[in-house]
Protein backbone atom coordinates (compact mmCIF):
# COMPACT_ATOMS: atom_id res chain seq x y z
CA UNK A 1 32.83 -11.22 -115.73
CA UNK A 2 30.97 -13.81 -117.79
CA UNK A 3 28.64 -16.62 -116.86
CA UNK A 4 28.15 -18.03 -113.39
CA UNK A 5 29.80 -21.35 -114.28
CA UNK A 6 33.19 -19.69 -114.72
CA UNK A 7 33.69 -19.79 -110.96
CA UNK A 8 33.89 -23.59 -111.20
CA UNK A 9 36.75 -23.52 -113.71
CA UNK A 10 39.89 -24.89 -112.11
CA UNK A 11 37.89 -26.67 -109.41
CA UNK A 12 39.43 -29.92 -108.17
CA UNK A 13 37.01 -32.72 -107.40
CA UNK A 14 38.36 -35.57 -105.27
CA UNK A 15 36.70 -38.85 -104.34
CA UNK A 16 37.65 -42.28 -103.06
CA UNK A 17 36.44 -45.69 -104.15
CA UNK A 18 37.42 -49.13 -102.94
CA UNK A 19 40.09 -49.48 -105.62
CA UNK A 20 41.53 -45.99 -106.10
CA UNK A 21 41.69 -42.35 -105.10
CA UNK A 22 40.67 -40.01 -107.91
CA UNK A 23 41.44 -36.31 -108.36
CA UNK A 24 39.57 -34.53 -111.16
CA UNK A 25 40.72 -31.07 -112.24
CA UNK A 26 38.98 -28.77 -114.70
CA UNK A 27 41.02 -26.17 -116.58
CA UNK A 28 39.10 -23.47 -118.47
CA UNK A 29 35.99 -25.60 -118.14
CA UNK A 30 33.24 -25.94 -115.57
CA UNK A 31 33.03 -29.40 -114.01
CA UNK A 32 29.31 -30.00 -114.05
CA UNK A 33 27.58 -32.89 -112.34
CA UNK A 34 26.94 -34.51 -115.74
CA UNK A 35 30.64 -34.38 -116.70
CA UNK A 36 31.86 -35.69 -113.35
CA UNK A 37 29.31 -38.53 -113.27
CA UNK A 38 30.18 -39.52 -116.86
CA UNK A 39 33.87 -39.54 -115.99
CA UNK A 40 33.22 -41.52 -112.81
CA UNK A 41 31.30 -44.12 -114.84
CA UNK A 42 34.19 -44.43 -117.32
CA UNK A 43 36.78 -44.70 -114.55
CA UNK A 44 34.80 -47.50 -112.92
CA UNK A 45 35.70 -49.67 -115.94
CA UNK A 46 39.38 -49.01 -115.22
CA UNK A 47 38.98 -50.10 -111.58
CA UNK A 48 38.12 -53.63 -112.73
CA UNK A 49 41.59 -53.96 -114.28
CA UNK A 50 43.47 -52.84 -111.17
CA UNK A 51 44.91 -55.31 -108.67
CA UNK A 52 42.50 -56.07 -105.84
CA UNK A 53 43.43 -54.86 -102.38
CA UNK A 54 45.91 -52.22 -103.55
CA UNK A 55 44.98 -49.00 -101.71
CA UNK A 56 47.85 -46.97 -103.17
CA UNK A 57 46.24 -46.50 -106.60
CA UNK A 58 45.87 -42.81 -107.51
CA UNK A 59 44.25 -41.44 -110.65
CA UNK A 60 44.77 -37.77 -111.50
CA UNK A 61 42.46 -36.63 -114.28
CA UNK A 62 42.50 -33.24 -115.98
CA UNK A 63 39.75 -32.06 -118.28
CA UNK A 64 40.58 -28.87 -120.14
CA UNK A 65 39.41 -26.65 -122.95
CA UNK A 66 42.31 -25.59 -125.19
CA UNK A 67 41.47 -22.80 -127.62
CA UNK A 68 44.48 -20.52 -127.55
CA UNK A 69 46.58 -22.20 -130.24
CA UNK A 70 43.82 -23.55 -132.51
CA UNK A 71 42.46 -21.66 -135.49
CA UNK A 72 38.80 -22.38 -134.84
CA UNK A 73 36.45 -24.44 -132.69
CA UNK A 74 36.74 -25.69 -129.19
CA UNK A 75 39.22 -28.45 -128.58
CA UNK A 76 38.95 -30.41 -125.35
CA UNK A 77 41.71 -32.32 -123.63
CA UNK A 78 41.29 -35.33 -121.37
CA UNK A 79 44.43 -36.38 -119.53
CA UNK A 80 44.98 -39.11 -116.94
CA UNK A 81 47.99 -39.99 -114.84
CA UNK A 82 47.43 -43.31 -113.07
CA UNK A 83 49.82 -44.75 -110.50
CA UNK A 84 49.13 -48.42 -109.85
CA UNK A 85 51.29 -51.32 -108.75
CA UNK A 86 54.43 -49.18 -108.58
CA UNK A 87 54.07 -48.12 -112.22
CA UNK A 88 52.88 -44.95 -113.92
CA UNK A 89 50.38 -45.01 -116.77
CA UNK A 90 49.68 -41.83 -118.74
CA UNK A 91 47.27 -40.96 -121.53
CA UNK A 92 46.25 -37.67 -123.12
CA UNK A 93 43.64 -37.14 -125.86
CA UNK A 94 42.56 -34.00 -127.75
CA UNK A 95 39.13 -34.03 -129.40
CA UNK A 96 36.43 -31.54 -130.40
CA UNK A 97 33.93 -33.28 -128.09
CA UNK A 98 34.70 -33.62 -124.38
CA UNK A 99 32.81 -36.90 -124.00
CA UNK A 100 34.64 -38.42 -126.99
CA UNK A 101 37.94 -37.33 -125.45
CA UNK A 102 36.99 -39.03 -122.16
CA UNK A 103 36.07 -42.23 -124.01
CA UNK A 104 39.34 -42.33 -125.95
CA UNK A 105 41.34 -41.54 -122.82
CA UNK A 106 39.71 -44.49 -121.06
CA UNK A 107 40.41 -46.77 -124.03
CA UNK A 108 44.08 -45.75 -124.13
CA UNK A 109 44.68 -46.20 -120.40
CA UNK A 110 42.83 -49.54 -120.51
CA UNK A 111 45.10 -50.69 -123.34
CA UNK A 112 48.18 -49.67 -121.36
CA UNK A 113 46.97 -51.43 -118.21
CA UNK A 114 46.18 -54.66 -120.07
CA UNK A 115 49.54 -54.58 -121.85
CA UNK A 116 51.42 -53.97 -118.61
CA UNK A 117 49.70 -56.72 -116.65
CA UNK A 118 49.84 -59.18 -119.58
CA UNK A 119 53.57 -58.55 -119.83
CA UNK A 120 53.94 -59.26 -116.11
CA UNK A 121 51.97 -62.51 -116.46
CA UNK A 122 53.97 -63.53 -119.52
CA UNK A 123 57.25 -63.06 -117.65
CA UNK A 124 55.87 -65.05 -114.72
CA UNK A 125 54.78 -67.90 -116.99
CA UNK A 126 58.10 -67.89 -118.81
CA UNK A 127 59.89 -68.23 -115.47
CA UNK A 128 57.55 -71.06 -114.52
CA UNK A 129 58.30 -72.85 -117.79
CA UNK A 130 62.04 -72.58 -117.15
CA UNK A 131 61.66 -73.91 -113.62
CA UNK A 132 59.57 -76.81 -114.92
CA UNK A 133 62.17 -77.57 -117.61
CA UNK A 134 64.93 -77.56 -114.99
CA UNK A 135 62.94 -79.98 -112.83
CA UNK A 136 62.43 -82.25 -115.83
CA UNK A 137 66.19 -82.30 -116.37
CA UNK A 138 66.80 -83.16 -112.73
CA UNK A 139 64.28 -86.01 -112.74
CA UNK A 140 65.10 -87.29 -116.23
CA UNK A 141 64.14 -90.89 -115.45
CA UNK A 142 60.47 -89.88 -114.91
CA UNK A 143 60.12 -88.45 -118.42
CA UNK A 144 60.63 -91.76 -120.19
């Protein structure tokens, strides 16, 4: 049947932190303690970007080994689907090293989170500027 680690392939590892619920799934790969702790460390950086007090944040992570359609070598896939603040964020990375794929996946989802929350703040500030301009027009005698 193969090695003893093959029984762990397809295993789903689930844990909760203060900021989010995380589901980790391994496809054609054994989720070792080293891999899961490395991934947990990388996901802790993402938690800092999430809104505080939001218990509905769910991160679904899949780590896979894709070899069926490649000519040679092992190609690993790291995929994350993050639901936070009523929005979905998704990133998938294919690399020859699993740890490099995890790093790039974290970088991509971090970029998406920062962009999404910066856009929200920009819209909020723009609305504040318009409200301030309207108030200046109402109280025109104070601006002299």
